[in-house]
N, C-alpha and C. Protein backbone atom coordinates (compact mmCIF):
# COMPACT_ATOMS: atom_id res chain seq x y z
N MET A 1 -4.26 22.60 3.64
CA MET A 1 -4.33 22.76 2.20
C MET A 1 -2.84 23.30 1.62
N LEU A 2 -2.34 22.52 0.70
CA LEU A 2 -1.02 22.66 0.26
C LEU A 2 -1.44 23.82 -1.02
N TYR A 3 -0.62 25.16 -1.19
CA TYR A 3 -0.49 25.96 -1.99
C TYR A 3 0.64 25.91 -2.65
N ILE A 4 0.72 25.80 -4.23
CA ILE A 4 1.84 26.12 -4.91
C ILE A 4 2.08 27.58 -5.14
N VAL A 5 2.68 28.28 -5.00
CA VAL A 5 2.48 29.51 -5.20
C VAL A 5 3.71 30.14 -5.99
N SER A 6 3.58 30.98 -7.22
CA SER A 6 4.31 31.40 -7.82
C SER A 6 5.14 32.59 -7.35
N THR A 7 6.24 32.85 -7.59
CA THR A 7 6.71 34.21 -7.26
C THR A 7 7.71 34.80 -8.11
N PRO A 8 8.10 36.05 -7.98
CA PRO A 8 9.03 37.03 -9.08
C PRO A 8 10.13 35.95 -9.44
N ILE A 9 10.74 36.28 -11.03
CA ILE A 9 11.82 35.48 -11.71
C ILE A 9 12.69 36.83 -11.16
N GLY A 10 12.67 37.84 -10.88
CA GLY A 10 13.61 38.99 -10.65
C GLY A 10 12.81 40.05 -10.19
N ASN A 11 12.02 40.91 -10.99
CA ASN A 11 11.57 42.23 -10.58
C ASN A 11 10.58 41.63 -9.46
N LEU A 12 10.72 42.36 -8.13
CA LEU A 12 9.83 41.76 -6.90
C LEU A 12 8.62 42.46 -7.28
N LYS A 13 8.08 43.09 -7.91
CA LYS A 13 6.71 43.62 -8.22
C LYS A 13 5.97 42.75 -8.87
N ASP A 14 6.41 41.75 -9.70
CA ASP A 14 6.47 40.76 -10.46
C ASP A 14 5.30 39.34 -9.53
N ILE A 15 4.58 39.95 -8.95
CA ILE A 15 3.90 39.09 -7.80
C ILE A 15 2.54 39.46 -7.87
N THR A 16 1.57 38.49 -7.83
CA THR A 16 0.03 38.57 -7.90
C THR A 16 -0.41 39.00 -6.63
N LEU A 17 -1.76 39.66 -6.31
CA LEU A 17 -2.44 39.97 -5.34
C LEU A 17 -2.55 38.64 -4.65
N ARG A 18 -2.94 38.07 -5.56
CA ARG A 18 -3.58 36.50 -4.66
C ARG A 18 -2.32 35.90 -4.23
N ALA A 19 -1.24 35.93 -4.61
CA ALA A 19 -0.16 35.11 -3.73
C ALA A 19 0.04 35.86 -2.81
N ILE A 20 0.23 36.83 -2.64
CA ILE A 20 0.53 37.93 -1.24
C ILE A 20 -0.32 37.50 -0.43
N GLU A 21 -1.58 37.63 -0.74
CA GLU A 21 -2.39 37.20 0.11
C GLU A 21 -2.55 35.79 0.82
N VAL A 22 -2.49 34.96 0.12
CA VAL A 22 -2.37 33.42 0.64
C VAL A 22 -0.81 33.30 1.25
N LEU A 23 0.52 34.04 0.82
CA LEU A 23 1.53 33.85 1.63
C LEU A 23 1.07 34.50 3.05
N LYS A 24 0.61 35.56 3.09
CA LYS A 24 0.00 36.20 4.63
C LYS A 24 -0.66 35.30 5.07
N SER A 25 -1.65 34.42 4.54
CA SER A 25 -2.63 33.56 5.46
C SER A 25 -2.05 31.90 5.93
N VAL A 26 -0.93 31.72 5.41
CA VAL A 26 -0.53 30.15 5.82
C VAL A 26 0.24 30.14 6.94
N ASP A 27 0.06 29.08 7.54
CA ASP A 27 0.72 28.62 8.65
C ASP A 27 2.13 28.59 8.67
N LEU A 28 2.45 28.18 7.24
CA LEU A 28 4.09 28.01 7.28
C LEU A 28 4.36 28.09 5.85
N ILE A 29 5.52 28.41 5.67
CA ILE A 29 6.24 28.86 3.77
C ILE A 29 7.36 27.45 3.74
N ALA A 30 7.21 26.85 2.88
CA ALA A 30 8.32 26.07 2.32
C ALA A 30 9.14 26.60 1.51
N ALA A 31 10.33 27.16 2.03
CA ALA A 31 11.02 27.40 0.47
C ALA A 31 12.36 27.11 0.42
N GLU A 32 12.43 27.28 -1.01
CA GLU A 32 13.80 26.87 -1.65
C GLU A 32 15.23 27.32 -0.97
N ASP A 33 15.24 28.58 -0.48
CA ASP A 33 16.15 29.30 0.33
C ASP A 33 15.53 30.03 0.69
N THR A 34 15.54 30.08 2.46
CA THR A 34 14.93 30.95 3.08
C THR A 34 15.42 32.48 3.11
N ARG A 35 17.03 32.37 2.77
CA ARG A 35 17.39 33.64 3.01
C ARG A 35 16.81 34.50 1.84
N HIS A 36 16.73 33.77 0.71
CA HIS A 36 16.40 34.51 -0.67
C HIS A 36 14.75 34.99 -0.29
N SER A 37 14.16 33.98 -0.12
CA SER A 37 12.60 34.04 0.09
C SER A 37 12.36 35.21 1.18
N GLY A 38 13.40 35.35 2.34
CA GLY A 38 13.19 36.12 3.31
C GLY A 38 12.92 37.66 2.71
N ILE A 39 14.01 38.06 1.55
CA ILE A 39 13.71 39.34 1.20
C ILE A 39 12.30 39.61 0.32
N LEU A 40 11.70 38.87 -0.15
CA LEU A 40 10.60 38.65 -0.64
C LEU A 40 9.37 38.85 0.48
N CYS A 41 9.52 38.22 1.18
CA CYS A 41 8.54 38.59 2.60
C CYS A 41 8.70 39.81 3.41
N LYS A 42 9.98 40.51 3.40
CA LYS A 42 9.64 41.52 4.13
C LYS A 42 9.37 42.37 3.16
N GLU A 43 9.60 42.44 1.82
CA GLU A 43 8.86 43.51 1.12
C GLU A 43 7.64 43.92 1.18
N TYR A 44 6.88 42.56 1.11
CA TYR A 44 5.72 42.71 1.36
C TYR A 44 4.76 42.14 2.38
N GLY A 45 5.53 42.55 3.74
CA GLY A 45 5.23 42.23 5.13
C GLY A 45 4.39 40.84 5.49
N ILE A 46 5.07 39.98 4.81
CA ILE A 46 4.78 38.43 4.66
C ILE A 46 5.50 38.01 6.06
N THR A 47 4.74 37.48 7.36
CA THR A 47 5.51 37.19 8.71
C THR A 47 5.43 35.46 8.99
N ALA A 48 4.38 34.70 8.12
CA ALA A 48 4.56 33.47 8.33
C ALA A 48 6.31 32.80 8.23
N PRO A 49 5.95 31.74 9.26
CA PRO A 49 7.73 31.45 9.50
C PRO A 49 7.73 30.72 8.15
N LEU A 50 9.31 30.44 7.99
CA LEU A 50 9.80 29.76 6.58
C LEU A 50 10.65 28.44 7.34
N ILE A 51 10.54 27.41 6.49
CA ILE A 51 11.44 26.38 6.41
C ILE A 51 12.16 25.83 5.21
N SER A 52 13.48 25.17 5.16
CA SER A 52 13.92 25.16 3.76
C SER A 52 13.07 23.64 3.16
N CYS A 53 13.29 23.95 1.71
CA CYS A 53 12.78 22.76 0.93
C CYS A 53 13.47 22.86 -0.19
N PHE A 54 14.48 22.35 -0.43
CA PHE A 54 15.08 22.09 -1.44
C PHE A 54 15.91 20.88 -2.03
N GLU A 55 16.56 21.16 -3.26
CA GLU A 55 16.69 19.39 -4.05
C GLU A 55 17.53 18.72 -3.00
N HIS A 56 18.31 19.10 -2.02
CA HIS A 56 19.07 18.05 -0.96
C HIS A 56 18.45 17.48 -0.07
N ASN A 57 17.15 18.49 0.54
CA ASN A 57 16.28 17.90 1.38
C ASN A 57 15.13 17.38 1.51
N GLU A 58 14.74 17.78 0.17
CA GLU A 58 13.16 17.54 -0.24
C GLU A 58 12.58 16.74 0.06
N THR A 59 13.39 15.22 -0.01
CA THR A 59 12.67 13.69 0.47
C THR A 59 12.56 13.94 2.00
N SER A 60 13.30 14.20 2.89
CA SER A 60 13.15 14.09 4.08
C SER A 60 12.29 15.24 4.77
N ARG A 61 12.15 16.24 3.96
CA ARG A 61 10.92 17.36 4.10
C ARG A 61 9.61 17.18 3.91
N VAL A 62 9.37 16.05 3.01
CA VAL A 62 8.10 15.68 2.78
C VAL A 62 7.31 15.16 4.15
N ALA A 63 7.78 14.30 4.31
CA ALA A 63 7.62 13.62 5.76
C ALA A 63 6.58 14.80 6.92
N TYR A 64 7.74 15.32 7.21
CA TYR A 64 6.95 16.36 7.98
C TYR A 64 6.13 17.50 7.62
N ILE A 65 6.01 17.70 6.14
CA ILE A 65 5.18 18.95 5.92
C ILE A 65 4.18 18.12 5.57
N LEU A 66 4.23 16.80 4.98
CA LEU A 66 2.64 15.91 5.17
C LEU A 66 1.92 15.70 6.62
N GLU A 67 2.76 15.51 7.67
CA GLU A 67 2.13 15.60 9.03
C GLU A 67 1.62 17.02 9.67
N LEU A 68 2.10 18.05 9.29
CA LEU A 68 1.72 19.38 9.04
C LEU A 68 0.36 19.54 8.33
N LEU A 69 0.08 19.47 7.17
CA LEU A 69 -1.11 19.48 6.54
C LEU A 69 -1.97 18.34 7.03
N LYS A 70 -1.59 17.10 7.29
CA LYS A 70 -2.61 16.08 8.01
C LYS A 70 -3.41 16.80 9.03
N ALA A 71 -2.40 17.55 10.13
CA ALA A 71 -2.59 18.18 10.97
C ALA A 71 -3.57 19.33 11.02
N GLY A 72 -3.86 19.85 9.74
CA GLY A 72 -4.81 20.90 9.48
C GLY A 72 -4.20 21.88 8.91
N LYS A 73 -2.98 22.12 8.90
CA LYS A 73 -2.13 23.40 8.69
C LYS A 73 -2.25 23.70 7.22
N ASN A 74 -2.14 24.84 6.86
CA ASN A 74 -2.10 25.39 5.45
C ASN A 74 -0.56 25.61 5.22
N ILE A 75 0.07 25.13 4.28
CA ILE A 75 1.30 25.71 3.69
C ILE A 75 1.71 25.82 2.53
N ALA A 76 2.33 27.03 1.86
CA ALA A 76 2.45 27.46 0.84
C ALA A 76 4.32 26.96 0.41
N LEU A 77 4.12 26.46 -0.88
CA LEU A 77 5.47 25.82 -1.33
C LEU A 77 5.90 27.07 -2.32
N ILE A 78 7.07 27.73 -2.36
CA ILE A 78 7.63 28.35 -3.03
C ILE A 78 9.39 27.80 -3.27
N SER A 79 9.48 28.70 -4.70
CA SER A 79 10.80 28.52 -4.90
C SER A 79 11.81 29.46 -4.78
N ASP A 80 12.93 29.64 -5.23
CA ASP A 80 13.68 31.10 -5.30
C ASP A 80 13.12 31.74 -6.63
N ALA A 81 12.83 31.60 -7.35
CA ALA A 81 12.08 32.75 -8.40
C ALA A 81 10.90 31.59 -9.36
N GLY A 82 9.97 32.08 -9.74
CA GLY A 82 8.88 31.50 -10.81
C GLY A 82 8.19 30.39 -9.66
N THR A 83 7.84 29.44 -10.85
CA THR A 83 6.99 28.21 -10.32
C THR A 83 7.34 27.11 -9.71
N PRO A 84 7.03 26.96 -8.42
CA PRO A 84 7.89 25.56 -7.99
C PRO A 84 7.48 24.29 -9.04
N GLY A 85 8.59 23.32 -8.90
CA GLY A 85 8.46 22.05 -9.79
C GLY A 85 8.97 22.67 -11.07
N ILE A 86 9.06 23.45 -11.74
CA ILE A 86 9.79 23.81 -13.25
C ILE A 86 11.31 24.11 -12.83
N SER A 87 12.07 22.95 -13.15
CA SER A 87 13.37 23.05 -12.83
C SER A 87 13.80 23.65 -11.27
N ASP A 88 13.07 23.40 -10.42
CA ASP A 88 12.98 23.64 -9.07
C ASP A 88 12.17 22.41 -8.37
N PRO A 89 12.89 22.46 -7.08
CA PRO A 89 11.93 21.49 -6.01
C PRO A 89 10.11 21.59 -6.13
N GLY A 90 9.84 20.39 -5.48
CA GLY A 90 8.48 20.71 -5.95
C GLY A 90 7.42 19.66 -6.02
N PHE A 91 8.24 18.69 -7.08
CA PHE A 91 7.50 17.68 -7.59
C PHE A 91 6.93 16.37 -6.52
N ARG A 92 7.94 16.19 -5.61
CA ARG A 92 7.92 15.11 -4.63
C ARG A 92 6.67 15.16 -3.82
N LEU A 93 6.76 16.92 -3.25
CA LEU A 93 5.94 16.82 -2.30
C LEU A 93 4.47 17.04 -2.95
N VAL A 94 4.21 17.67 -4.26
CA VAL A 94 2.92 17.91 -4.36
C VAL A 94 2.37 16.52 -5.04
N ARG A 95 3.01 15.08 -5.25
CA ARG A 95 2.84 13.99 -5.76
C ARG A 95 2.41 13.58 -4.69
N SER A 96 3.17 13.62 -3.31
CA SER A 96 3.31 12.78 -2.01
C SER A 96 1.70 13.68 -1.44
N ALA A 97 1.41 14.69 -1.52
CA ALA A 97 0.64 15.25 -0.93
C ALA A 97 -0.78 14.53 -1.43
N ARG A 98 -1.25 14.42 -2.70
CA ARG A 98 -2.11 14.41 -3.71
C ARG A 98 -2.43 12.45 -3.27
N GLU A 99 -0.97 11.73 -3.12
CA GLU A 99 -1.32 10.57 -2.56
C GLU A 99 -1.58 10.05 -1.29
N ASN A 100 -1.71 11.16 -0.63
CA ASN A 100 -2.37 10.98 0.98
C ASN A 100 -3.23 12.23 0.90
N GLY A 101 -4.26 12.33 -0.17
CA GLY A 101 -5.20 12.65 0.17
C GLY A 101 -5.58 14.27 0.75
N VAL A 102 -4.20 14.86 0.42
CA VAL A 102 -4.24 16.12 0.75
C VAL A 102 -4.66 17.29 -0.15
N GLU A 103 -5.48 18.09 -0.06
CA GLU A 103 -5.83 19.15 -1.06
C GLU A 103 -4.64 20.11 -1.37
N VAL A 104 -4.62 20.15 -2.84
CA VAL A 104 -3.44 20.85 -3.43
C VAL A 104 -4.16 21.84 -4.47
N THR A 105 -3.73 23.10 -4.33
CA THR A 105 -4.11 23.96 -5.33
C THR A 105 -2.61 25.02 -5.70
N VAL A 106 -2.76 25.62 -7.13
CA VAL A 106 -1.90 26.70 -7.48
C VAL A 106 -2.17 28.02 -7.44
N ILE A 107 -1.17 28.92 -7.05
CA ILE A 107 -1.36 30.48 -7.60
C ILE A 107 -0.31 30.75 -8.37
N PRO A 108 -0.72 30.72 -9.80
CA PRO A 108 -0.06 30.71 -10.88
C PRO A 108 0.69 32.32 -10.95
N GLY A 109 1.72 32.29 -11.68
CA GLY A 109 2.45 33.50 -12.06
C GLY A 109 3.66 33.52 -12.90
N ALA A 110 4.60 34.03 -12.31
CA ALA A 110 5.67 33.71 -13.26
C ALA A 110 6.10 32.62 -13.47
N CYS A 111 7.20 32.48 -14.69
CA CYS A 111 7.81 31.42 -15.02
C CYS A 111 8.76 31.51 -15.89
N ALA A 112 10.00 31.70 -16.05
CA ALA A 112 11.04 31.82 -16.43
C ALA A 112 11.26 31.50 -18.20
N CYS A 113 10.62 30.61 -18.30
CA CYS A 113 10.97 29.77 -19.68
C CYS A 113 9.63 30.52 -20.42
N ILE A 114 8.51 30.35 -20.20
CA ILE A 114 7.62 31.21 -20.36
C ILE A 114 7.44 32.53 -20.96
N ALA A 115 8.12 33.38 -20.30
CA ALA A 115 8.54 34.82 -20.18
C ALA A 115 9.67 34.77 -21.62
N ALA A 116 10.58 33.84 -21.50
CA ALA A 116 11.34 33.88 -22.45
C ALA A 116 10.81 33.52 -23.80
N LEU A 117 9.86 32.32 -23.91
CA LEU A 117 9.48 32.37 -25.25
C LEU A 117 8.77 33.55 -25.56
N SER A 118 7.64 34.21 -24.90
CA SER A 118 6.97 35.26 -25.27
C SER A 118 7.87 36.44 -25.95
N LEU A 119 8.88 36.77 -25.24
CA LEU A 119 9.91 37.58 -25.39
C LEU A 119 10.69 37.45 -26.65
N SER A 120 11.07 35.84 -27.10
CA SER A 120 12.03 35.70 -28.03
C SER A 120 11.38 36.06 -29.55
N GLY A 121 10.09 35.64 -29.89
CA GLY A 121 9.85 36.33 -31.24
C GLY A 121 10.11 35.15 -32.20
N LEU A 122 9.85 33.90 -31.66
CA LEU A 122 10.14 32.42 -32.24
C LEU A 122 8.61 31.96 -32.21
N PRO A 123 8.60 31.01 -33.09
CA PRO A 123 7.27 30.27 -33.10
C PRO A 123 6.35 29.77 -31.42
N THR A 124 5.47 29.77 -31.33
CA THR A 124 4.84 29.41 -30.04
C THR A 124 3.97 28.75 -30.08
N ASP A 125 3.36 27.88 -31.28
CA ASP A 125 2.45 27.12 -31.49
C ASP A 125 2.67 25.83 -31.15
N ARG A 126 3.97 25.42 -30.68
CA ARG A 126 4.53 24.25 -30.57
C ARG A 126 5.92 24.43 -30.25
N PHE A 127 5.93 23.89 -28.43
CA PHE A 127 7.33 24.22 -27.91
C PHE A 127 7.69 23.15 -26.79
N ALA A 128 9.05 23.20 -26.52
CA ALA A 128 9.19 21.89 -25.66
C ALA A 128 10.36 22.69 -24.88
N PHE A 129 9.92 22.40 -23.59
CA PHE A 129 10.91 22.74 -22.33
C PHE A 129 11.57 21.82 -21.86
N MET A 130 13.05 21.78 -21.99
CA MET A 130 13.91 20.74 -21.22
C MET A 130 14.66 20.87 -20.19
N GLY A 131 14.17 21.88 -19.40
CA GLY A 131 14.91 22.10 -18.48
C GLY A 131 16.41 22.21 -18.60
N PHE A 132 17.58 22.38 -17.32
CA PHE A 132 18.76 23.09 -17.37
C PHE A 132 19.61 21.71 -18.44
N MET A 133 20.57 22.36 -19.52
CA MET A 133 21.51 21.50 -19.84
C MET A 133 22.17 20.15 -18.78
N PRO A 134 22.53 19.35 -19.48
CA PRO A 134 22.97 18.40 -18.57
C PRO A 134 24.45 18.84 -18.55
N VAL A 135 25.50 18.53 -17.17
CA VAL A 135 26.70 18.93 -16.69
C VAL A 135 27.60 18.08 -17.72
N LYS A 136 27.58 16.99 -17.93
CA LYS A 136 28.34 15.83 -18.82
C LYS A 136 28.30 16.22 -20.10
N PRO A 137 29.41 16.17 -20.49
CA PRO A 137 29.25 16.88 -22.28
C PRO A 137 28.73 15.81 -22.88
N GLY A 138 28.80 14.44 -22.73
CA GLY A 138 28.10 13.37 -23.61
C GLY A 138 26.65 13.77 -23.35
N ALA A 139 26.29 13.84 -22.18
CA ALA A 139 24.49 13.79 -21.96
C ALA A 139 24.36 15.23 -22.68
N ARG A 140 25.05 16.29 -22.49
CA ARG A 140 24.38 17.50 -23.16
C ARG A 140 24.38 17.37 -24.71
N ARG A 141 25.13 16.68 -25.23
CA ARG A 141 25.53 16.58 -26.65
C ARG A 141 24.00 15.66 -27.10
N ARG A 142 23.66 14.94 -26.88
CA ARG A 142 22.66 13.99 -26.83
C ARG A 142 21.22 14.58 -26.07
N LYS A 143 21.37 15.55 -25.55
CA LYS A 143 19.96 16.64 -25.07
C LYS A 143 19.71 17.51 -26.29
N ILE A 144 21.18 17.86 -27.09
CA ILE A 144 20.94 18.69 -27.96
C ILE A 144 20.30 17.94 -29.57
N GLU A 145 20.93 16.81 -29.54
CA GLU A 145 20.16 16.12 -30.60
C GLU A 145 18.92 15.67 -30.18
N GLU A 146 18.52 15.74 -29.38
CA GLU A 146 17.02 15.21 -28.73
C GLU A 146 16.15 16.59 -29.24
N ALA A 147 16.98 17.77 -28.84
CA ALA A 147 16.03 18.82 -29.13
C ALA A 147 15.64 18.85 -30.70
N ALA A 148 16.80 18.67 -31.56
CA ALA A 148 16.49 18.94 -32.90
C ALA A 148 15.43 17.59 -33.22
N ARG A 149 15.06 16.50 -32.68
CA ARG A 149 13.93 16.06 -33.13
C ARG A 149 12.76 15.93 -32.46
N ILE A 150 12.82 16.59 -31.81
CA ILE A 150 11.42 17.23 -31.43
C ILE A 150 10.63 17.80 -32.06
N GLY A 151 11.46 19.19 -32.67
CA GLY A 151 11.19 19.92 -33.20
C GLY A 151 10.31 20.94 -32.48
N GLY A 152 9.86 22.10 -33.71
CA GLY A 152 9.39 23.38 -32.77
C GLY A 152 10.37 23.95 -32.16
N THR A 153 9.81 25.02 -31.47
CA THR A 153 10.50 25.91 -30.51
C THR A 153 11.09 25.13 -29.05
N VAL A 154 12.30 25.09 -28.99
CA VAL A 154 12.94 23.88 -27.53
C VAL A 154 13.68 25.05 -26.90
N ILE A 155 13.63 24.87 -25.34
CA ILE A 155 13.32 25.62 -24.64
C ILE A 155 14.74 25.23 -23.53
N PHE A 156 15.68 25.65 -23.18
CA PHE A 156 16.70 25.17 -22.15
C PHE A 156 16.91 26.13 -21.25
N TYR A 157 17.47 26.00 -19.83
CA TYR A 157 18.03 26.73 -19.05
C TYR A 157 19.59 26.30 -19.10
N GLU A 158 20.02 27.62 -18.68
CA GLU A 158 21.75 27.39 -18.53
C GLU A 158 22.21 28.35 -17.39
N SER A 159 23.24 27.87 -16.59
CA SER A 159 24.07 28.60 -15.63
C SER A 159 24.94 29.56 -16.49
N PRO A 160 25.69 30.58 -16.05
CA PRO A 160 26.49 31.40 -16.73
C PRO A 160 27.97 30.11 -16.62
N HIS A 161 28.10 29.79 -15.69
CA HIS A 161 29.64 29.19 -15.77
C HIS A 161 29.48 27.79 -16.57
N ARG A 162 28.34 27.45 -17.34
CA ARG A 162 28.37 26.52 -18.40
C ARG A 162 27.65 26.82 -19.66
N LEU A 163 27.21 28.12 -19.74
CA LEU A 163 26.87 28.38 -21.17
C LEU A 163 28.06 28.47 -22.34
N LEU A 164 29.36 28.84 -21.83
CA LEU A 164 29.93 28.75 -23.25
C LEU A 164 30.60 26.98 -23.90
N LYS A 165 30.22 26.44 -22.72
CA LYS A 165 30.38 24.91 -23.32
C LYS A 165 29.21 24.55 -24.06
N SER A 166 27.98 25.04 -23.62
CA SER A 166 26.58 24.69 -24.22
C SER A 166 26.55 25.01 -25.60
N LEU A 167 27.09 26.41 -25.63
CA LEU A 167 27.13 27.23 -26.91
C LEU A 167 27.78 26.32 -28.06
N LYS A 168 29.00 26.12 -27.46
CA LYS A 168 30.17 25.35 -28.60
C LYS A 168 29.71 23.69 -28.72
N ASP A 169 28.80 23.08 -28.05
CA ASP A 169 28.11 22.03 -28.25
C ASP A 169 26.92 22.14 -28.94
N ILE A 170 26.42 23.51 -28.95
CA ILE A 170 25.21 23.60 -29.92
C ILE A 170 25.62 23.60 -31.49
N GLU A 171 26.96 24.75 -31.52
CA GLU A 171 27.42 24.72 -32.67
C GLU A 171 27.84 23.51 -33.37
N GLU A 172 28.46 22.66 -32.73
CA GLU A 172 29.03 21.63 -33.02
C GLU A 172 28.38 20.79 -33.32
N VAL A 173 27.06 20.54 -33.08
CA VAL A 173 26.16 19.02 -33.03
C VAL A 173 25.11 19.79 -34.03
N LEU A 174 24.86 20.83 -34.44
CA LEU A 174 23.86 21.42 -35.07
C LEU A 174 24.07 22.23 -36.25
N GLY A 175 25.43 22.30 -36.47
CA GLY A 175 26.16 23.28 -37.57
C GLY A 175 25.65 24.59 -37.50
N ASP A 176 26.03 24.97 -35.79
CA ASP A 176 25.98 26.38 -35.92
C ASP A 176 24.48 27.13 -36.38
N PRO A 177 23.62 26.82 -35.62
CA PRO A 177 22.27 27.56 -35.75
C PRO A 177 22.15 28.91 -35.01
N VAL A 178 21.36 29.45 -35.74
CA VAL A 178 20.66 30.92 -34.91
C VAL A 178 19.96 30.28 -33.45
N ILE A 179 20.74 31.07 -32.17
CA ILE A 179 19.87 30.85 -31.08
C ILE A 179 19.50 32.31 -30.08
N VAL A 180 18.55 32.20 -29.69
CA VAL A 180 17.51 33.55 -28.98
C VAL A 180 18.03 32.90 -27.49
N VAL A 181 19.08 33.91 -26.92
CA VAL A 181 19.22 33.94 -25.69
C VAL A 181 18.90 35.07 -24.54
N THR A 182 18.22 34.72 -23.62
CA THR A 182 17.57 35.77 -22.82
C THR A 182 18.27 35.59 -21.46
N ARG A 183 18.32 36.71 -20.69
CA ARG A 183 19.23 36.63 -19.35
C ARG A 183 18.75 37.85 -18.65
N GLU A 184 18.55 37.58 -17.01
CA GLU A 184 18.06 38.95 -16.61
C GLU A 184 16.60 39.37 -16.53
N ILE A 185 15.96 38.41 -17.13
CA ILE A 185 14.38 38.81 -17.56
C ILE A 185 13.70 39.64 -16.32
N THR A 186 13.28 40.77 -16.71
CA THR A 186 12.38 41.87 -15.52
C THR A 186 13.48 42.45 -14.72
N LYS A 187 14.69 41.92 -14.86
CA LYS A 187 15.67 42.69 -14.01
C LYS A 187 16.22 44.10 -14.84
N LYS A 188 17.09 44.82 -13.91
CA LYS A 188 17.79 45.85 -14.88
C LYS A 188 18.52 45.88 -16.20
N PHE A 189 19.19 44.64 -16.05
CA PHE A 189 20.09 44.48 -17.21
C PHE A 189 19.34 43.36 -17.86
N GLU A 190 18.01 43.44 -18.32
CA GLU A 190 17.42 42.47 -19.22
C GLU A 190 18.05 42.31 -20.42
N GLU A 191 17.95 41.40 -21.16
CA GLU A 191 19.04 41.44 -22.34
C GLU A 191 18.28 40.21 -23.23
N ARG A 192 17.97 40.55 -24.33
CA ARG A 192 17.51 39.36 -25.69
C ARG A 192 18.81 39.42 -26.60
N LEU A 193 19.69 38.41 -26.97
CA LEU A 193 20.49 38.38 -27.92
C LEU A 193 19.77 37.24 -29.00
N GLU A 194 19.72 37.49 -30.41
CA GLU A 194 19.74 36.75 -31.41
C GLU A 194 21.20 36.51 -32.44
N ALA A 195 21.73 35.22 -32.43
CA ALA A 195 22.80 35.34 -33.19
C ALA A 195 23.19 33.63 -33.39
N LYS A 196 24.06 33.73 -34.23
CA LYS A 196 24.48 32.12 -34.80
C LYS A 196 25.26 31.43 -33.24
N ALA A 197 25.00 30.59 -33.15
CA ALA A 197 25.75 30.01 -31.77
C ALA A 197 27.27 30.24 -31.65
N SER A 198 27.84 30.38 -32.83
CA SER A 198 29.42 30.64 -32.65
C SER A 198 29.16 32.19 -32.33
N ALA A 199 28.74 33.38 -33.16
CA ALA A 199 28.86 34.17 -32.36
C ALA A 199 28.43 34.85 -31.10
N LEU A 200 27.48 34.02 -30.64
CA LEU A 200 27.30 34.15 -28.94
C LEU A 200 28.32 33.67 -28.11
N HIS A 201 29.05 32.54 -28.57
CA HIS A 201 29.95 31.90 -27.92
C HIS A 201 31.24 33.11 -27.80
N ALA A 202 31.56 34.04 -28.98
CA ALA A 202 32.42 34.84 -28.93
C ALA A 202 32.08 36.21 -28.46
N ARG A 203 30.90 36.37 -28.35
CA ARG A 203 30.39 37.69 -27.50
C ARG A 203 30.40 37.22 -25.96
N PHE A 204 30.04 36.30 -25.44
CA PHE A 204 30.20 35.81 -24.31
C PHE A 204 31.59 35.40 -23.75
N THR A 205 32.67 35.11 -24.71
CA THR A 205 33.90 34.67 -24.74
C THR A 205 34.53 36.56 -24.18
N ALA A 206 34.28 36.94 -24.70
CA ALA A 206 34.53 38.42 -24.36
C ALA A 206 33.95 39.23 -23.06
N HIS A 207 32.70 38.91 -22.80
CA HIS A 207 32.15 39.35 -21.85
C HIS A 207 31.66 38.40 -20.93
N ALA A 208 32.13 38.24 -19.96
CA ALA A 208 31.89 37.20 -19.14
C ALA A 208 30.35 37.27 -18.91
N PRO A 209 29.65 35.65 -19.04
CA PRO A 209 28.29 35.64 -18.99
C PRO A 209 27.52 35.76 -17.57
N MET A 210 26.95 36.84 -17.30
CA MET A 210 26.43 37.09 -15.80
C MET A 210 24.70 36.75 -15.79
N GLY A 211 24.35 36.40 -14.65
CA GLY A 211 22.76 35.63 -14.56
C GLY A 211 22.59 34.81 -15.37
N GLU A 212 21.26 34.34 -15.13
CA GLU A 212 20.44 32.63 -15.35
C GLU A 212 20.13 33.21 -17.02
N PHE A 213 20.81 32.11 -17.76
CA PHE A 213 20.40 32.20 -19.09
C PHE A 213 18.73 31.19 -19.37
N VAL A 214 18.13 31.38 -20.53
CA VAL A 214 17.64 30.53 -21.24
C VAL A 214 17.97 30.57 -22.64
N LEU A 215 17.95 29.54 -23.29
CA LEU A 215 18.09 29.50 -24.92
C LEU A 215 17.31 29.04 -25.61
N LEU A 216 17.07 29.44 -26.45
CA LEU A 216 15.91 28.92 -27.20
C LEU A 216 15.94 28.92 -29.07
N LEU A 217 16.00 27.52 -29.49
CA LEU A 217 16.18 27.34 -30.59
C LEU A 217 14.75 26.59 -31.57
N SER A 218 14.79 27.16 -32.67
CA SER A 218 13.47 26.44 -33.52
C SER A 218 13.85 25.49 -34.55
N PHE A 219 13.53 24.77 -34.34
CA PHE A 219 13.11 23.73 -35.61
C PHE A 219 12.09 23.16 -36.37
N PRO A 220 12.19 22.78 -37.62
CA PRO A 220 11.17 22.43 -38.15
C PRO A 220 9.87 21.78 -37.69
N SER A 221 8.84 21.98 -37.66
CA SER A 221 7.78 20.87 -36.78
C SER A 221 7.60 19.61 -37.52
């Protein structure tokens, strides 16, 4: 069986008892970053061997993992943080496993976009998760325009290195809307900010952004 296992997005205590149980029982853990996941495994006495399965080797890893699954091995798939497949590797492996008749199950848990949504104070009855902002300026602006057309609460991930560019584009494309920004959810320096895009841009220009960010905007449905 292939287990899709959610792991903490920050605080290592945010892992379910069932997730620990499964990770201790499987024959192998496919991890986005074995060094990062090794910290979690050490914390909970998980001794299953780790192999890497990340964006740039997922395609080649799928065939190998499928062979093991067909041979009767139980394998867990985890990402660095949160739920595999949600802006993290996992989709190709899950699809291939299902196409090859392998049983797949999920061990639900932490997910940064859902945690940010519940923390935001924005409407939750209709929302869209749009993943990471595109790197190229033109594609990023088109994605922002698409978000406005979708309506409801729209959620983006963004890295600290591109946060200022995304905030500037949001300001220029949408006319300086109010944004909720969260960062470091569940960690020591967890922060939620709500302000116009221009104000947030000024704030993070004065104080260099650090950590992973979630941006949330609310539009008329």
